[in-house]
Amino acid sequence: MRSGILGERWVILAILLCAPEPWSSPMAAEQRLVIKPVAERKLEQLPAGPLYWSLETFATRAQAEAAAGPTSLVAEIAGKAWLFTLGAKDSKGAGGNPVVQIGPIPPIVAPEYLLRINHASGPPGAKTGVHSHPGSEAFYVLAGRLGQKTPSGVGYAEAGQAMNGHGADVPMEVFSSGVANLDQLVMFVVDATRPFSTPARLE
């Protein structure tokens, strides 16, 4: 009788030892968007506003760099050479293939400005932490579906669509909300004298 009880206890112990730990489950680990800065530059002064981001593509990076102006950034993303230019609405393009114009960006006044381009990607459900920036950001979705949550609500943009960002210090959470992997470009105009990103809370 005693040996039978001991045998049952060994079986139970073996089951517990072999069972997956809840904290090691893939579903328990929150997936984060992969964010890569691909280009940036600092400016002492911005062009006279209202300002828009104009996106163009070129056959080569050399062609994009030759067309770049004082408020332009160049990056190679998704197999293309991209030119990002901050300027007036409907300003003449630099000679590339026009993709989109986004704006007007929320105005910002700072001692020095940072223009930055990020390339962000992630599977459905991946997201950033809640954060804010000392300036504005705008999005262009290459693939998948973008979601952005702020105190004002939730907005979405599909592949081939743009989303203009909010002003400085607005708490936000950005996430991949579609059924395919999100692939997006993110354009920033922020105060270069402050931390680029700060943890925040969504009230």
Protein backbone atom coordinates (compact mmCIF):
# COMPACT_ATOMS: atom_id res chain seq x y z
CA MET A 1 0.00 0.00 0.00
CA ARG A 2 2.81 2.37 0.94
CA SER A 3 4.69 1.60 -2.27
CA GLY A 4 1.57 2.50 -4.27
CA ILE A 5 1.31 5.92 -2.58
CA LEU A 6 5.00 6.59 -3.18
CA GLY A 7 4.58 5.66 -6.83
CA GLU A 8 1.69 8.13 -7.25
CA ARG A 9 3.76 10.87 -5.63
CA TRP A 10 6.64 10.23 -8.04
CA VAL A 11 4.25 10.47 -10.99
CA ILE A 12 2.83 13.78 -9.73
CA LEU A 13 6.33 15.17 -9.13
CA ALA A 14 7.43 14.16 -12.62
CA ILE A 15 4.42 15.93 -14.16
CA LEU A 16 5.17 19.13 -12.21
CA LEU A 17 8.83 19.08 -13.20
CA CYS A 18 8.07 18.56 -16.89
CA ALA A 19 5.24 21.10 -17.07
CA PRO A 20 6.22 24.38 -18.83
CA GLU A 21 6.70 27.30 -16.49
CA PRO A 22 4.06 30.01 -17.08
CA TRP A 23 6.70 32.75 -17.27
CA SER A 24 8.57 30.91 -20.03
CA SER A 25 5.55 30.77 -22.32
CA PRO A 26 6.04 32.66 -25.62
CA MET A 27 2.62 34.25 -25.14
CA ALA A 28 3.67 35.62 -21.77
CA ALA A 29 6.60 37.57 -23.24
CA GLU A 30 5.37 40.85 -24.70
CA GLN A 31 6.60 41.36 -28.25
CA ARG A 32 8.22 44.71 -29.01
CA LEU A 33 8.52 46.52 -32.30
CA VAL A 34 12.05 46.48 -33.69
CA ILE A 35 13.10 50.11 -34.15
CA LYS A 36 16.24 51.12 -36.04
CA PRO A 37 17.39 54.73 -36.51
CA VAL A 38 18.60 54.99 -40.12
CA ALA A 39 19.35 58.71 -40.61
CA GLU A 40 19.50 61.92 -38.60
CA ARG A 41 20.79 65.47 -38.67
CA LYS A 42 20.69 68.52 -36.42
CA LEU A 43 19.52 71.99 -37.43
CA GLU A 44 19.85 75.32 -35.70
CA GLN A 45 16.75 76.61 -37.48
CA LEU A 46 13.74 75.13 -39.25
CA PRO A 47 12.30 76.43 -42.51
CA ALA A 48 9.37 78.80 -42.20
CA GLY A 49 6.22 76.78 -41.56
CA PRO A 50 3.78 75.13 -41.97
CA LEU A 51 6.08 72.18 -42.62
CA TYR A 52 5.54 68.84 -44.36
CA TRP A 53 7.59 65.70 -44.84
CA SER A 54 8.04 64.84 -48.53
CA LEU A 55 9.15 61.28 -49.33
CA GLU A 56 10.74 60.26 -52.63
CA THR A 57 12.59 57.19 -53.88
CA PHE A 58 15.59 57.03 -56.21
CA ALA A 59 17.28 54.27 -58.18
CA THR A 60 20.46 54.63 -56.12
CA ARG A 61 21.60 56.16 -52.86
CA ALA A 62 24.08 58.33 -54.78
CA GLN A 63 21.21 59.89 -56.75
CA ALA A 64 19.26 60.56 -53.55
CA GLU A 65 22.28 62.15 -51.87
CA ALA A 66 22.91 64.34 -54.92
CA ALA A 67 19.32 65.61 -54.70
CA ALA A 68 19.36 66.18 -50.92
CA GLY A 69 18.97 69.69 -49.53
CA PRO A 70 19.79 71.26 -46.15
CA THR A 71 16.65 69.76 -44.55
CA SER A 72 16.84 66.34 -46.23
CA LEU A 73 17.89 62.91 -45.01
CA VAL A 74 18.83 59.87 -47.09
CA ALA A 75 18.47 56.20 -46.15
CA GLU A 76 18.35 52.81 -47.86
CA ILE A 77 15.27 50.94 -46.64
CA ALA A 78 13.40 47.92 -48.01
CA GLY A 79 15.65 47.74 -51.06
CA LYS A 80 15.09 51.39 -52.05
CA ALA A 81 17.00 54.65 -51.72
CA TRP A 82 14.77 57.11 -49.87
CA LEU A 83 14.96 60.90 -49.67
CA PHE A 84 13.07 62.56 -46.79
CA THR A 85 12.75 66.34 -47.04
CA LEU A 86 11.18 68.72 -44.53
CA GLY A 87 9.72 71.78 -46.21
CA ALA A 88 6.69 73.66 -47.45
CA LYS A 89 3.58 71.98 -48.78
CA ASP A 90 3.62 71.09 -52.48
CA SER A 91 7.24 72.14 -52.76
CA LYS A 92 8.91 70.92 -55.96
CA GLY A 93 10.36 67.45 -55.59
CA ALA A 94 14.05 66.69 -55.86
CA GLY A 95 13.70 64.63 -59.04
CA GLY A 96 12.89 61.22 -57.55
CA ASN A 97 9.70 59.20 -57.57
CA PRO A 98 7.25 61.01 -55.25
CA VAL A 99 5.71 58.73 -52.63
CA VAL A 100 3.79 60.84 -50.15
CA GLN A 101 3.65 64.22 -48.42
CA ILE A 102 2.72 64.25 -44.73
CA GLY A 103 1.72 67.25 -42.62
CA PRO A 104 1.49 69.88 -41.54
CA ILE A 105 3.61 68.68 -38.65
CA PRO A 106 2.77 70.17 -35.24
CA PRO A 107 4.90 73.29 -34.71
CA ILE A 108 7.88 73.14 -32.38
CA VAL A 109 10.25 75.78 -30.98
CA ALA A 110 13.61 74.64 -29.59
CA PRO A 111 17.21 75.85 -29.18
CA GLU A 112 18.29 73.14 -31.64
CA TYR A 113 16.38 70.63 -33.72
CA LEU A 114 16.92 66.95 -34.50
CA LEU A 115 15.53 65.38 -37.66
CA ARG A 116 15.52 61.60 -37.47
CA ILE A 117 14.24 58.72 -39.59
CA ASN A 118 13.45 55.38 -37.94
CA HIS A 119 12.60 52.09 -39.60
CA ALA A 120 10.21 50.08 -37.40
CA SER A 121 8.84 46.58 -37.87
CA GLY A 122 7.17 43.76 -35.98
CA PRO A 123 4.65 40.92 -36.15
CA PRO A 124 0.97 41.36 -35.32
CA GLY A 125 0.60 42.40 -31.67
CA ALA A 126 4.12 43.81 -31.33
CA LYS A 127 4.21 47.27 -29.79
CA THR A 128 6.30 49.94 -28.15
CA GLY A 129 6.15 50.89 -24.52
CA VAL A 130 4.13 53.98 -23.66
CA HIS A 131 6.41 56.94 -24.31
CA SER A 132 6.59 60.52 -25.52
CA HIS A 133 8.95 62.61 -27.66
CA PRO A 134 9.99 66.29 -27.36
CA GLY A 135 8.50 67.04 -30.77
CA SER A 136 6.45 65.49 -33.54
CA GLU A 137 6.57 62.25 -35.49
CA ALA A 138 4.89 61.13 -38.69
CA PHE A 139 4.42 57.63 -40.10
CA TYR A 140 4.36 56.00 -43.52
CA VAL A 141 3.31 52.33 -43.63
CA LEU A 142 5.15 50.10 -46.10
CA ALA A 143 3.34 46.88 -45.12
CA GLY A 144 0.93 45.66 -42.46
CA ARG A 145 -1.29 47.92 -40.37
CA LEU A 146 -0.16 50.60 -37.92
CA GLY A 147 -2.00 51.41 -34.72
CA GLN A 148 -1.30 54.37 -32.45
CA LYS A 149 -2.93 54.90 -29.07
CA THR A 150 -2.87 58.31 -27.35
CA PRO A 151 -5.08 60.04 -24.77
CA SER A 152 -7.18 61.22 -27.74
CA GLY A 153 -7.98 57.67 -28.86
CA VAL A 154 -6.66 55.09 -31.31
CA GLY A 155 -5.76 55.73 -34.94
CA TYR A 156 -4.84 53.31 -37.74
CA ALA A 157 -3.03 53.43 -41.08
CA GLU A 158 -2.87 50.71 -43.71
CA ALA A 159 -0.04 49.86 -46.12
CA GLY A 160 0.52 52.77 -48.48
CA GLN A 161 -1.03 55.25 -46.05
CA ALA A 162 0.50 57.95 -43.86
CA MET A 163 -0.33 59.16 -40.36
CA ASN A 164 0.60 62.60 -39.10
CA GLY A 165 1.83 62.58 -35.52
CA HIS A 166 0.93 64.57 -32.43
CA GLY A 167 2.78 67.44 -30.81
CA ALA A 168 5.52 67.32 -28.23
CA ASP A 169 5.16 65.32 -25.01
CA VAL A 170 1.97 63.46 -26.00
CA PRO A 171 1.96 59.94 -24.46
CA MET A 172 1.58 57.22 -27.08
CA GLU A 173 1.80 53.52 -27.76
CA VAL A 174 2.53 52.33 -31.30
CA PHE A 175 1.62 48.79 -32.33
CA SER A 176 1.26 46.34 -35.21
CA SER A 177 -2.50 45.92 -35.53
CA GLY A 178 -2.90 43.91 -38.73
CA VAL A 179 -2.65 40.24 -39.69
CA ALA A 180 0.71 40.73 -41.46
CA ASN A 181 4.01 42.06 -40.18
CA LEU A 182 4.16 45.83 -39.79
CA ASP A 183 6.88 47.63 -41.74
CA GLN A 184 6.94 51.41 -41.43
CA LEU A 185 8.98 54.60 -41.74
CA VAL A 186 8.87 57.14 -38.91
CA MET A 187 9.92 60.78 -39.33
CA PHE A 188 10.76 62.98 -36.33
CA VAL A 189 11.28 66.69 -35.69
CA VAL A 190 12.23 67.07 -32.02
CA ASP A 191 14.07 69.30 -29.56
CA ALA A 192 17.69 68.14 -29.82
CA THR A 193 18.52 69.42 -26.32
CA ARG A 194 16.10 67.01 -24.61
CA PRO A 195 16.03 63.20 -24.33
CA PHE A 196 14.72 61.73 -27.57
CA SER A 197 12.23 59.40 -25.87
CA THR A 198 10.79 59.41 -22.35
CA PRO A 199 8.64 56.75 -20.63
CA ALA A 200 5.09 57.99 -20.13
CA ARG A 201 1.62 56.89 -19.02
CA LEU A 202 -1.68 56.79 -20.86
CA GLU A 203 -4.32 58.22 -18.56
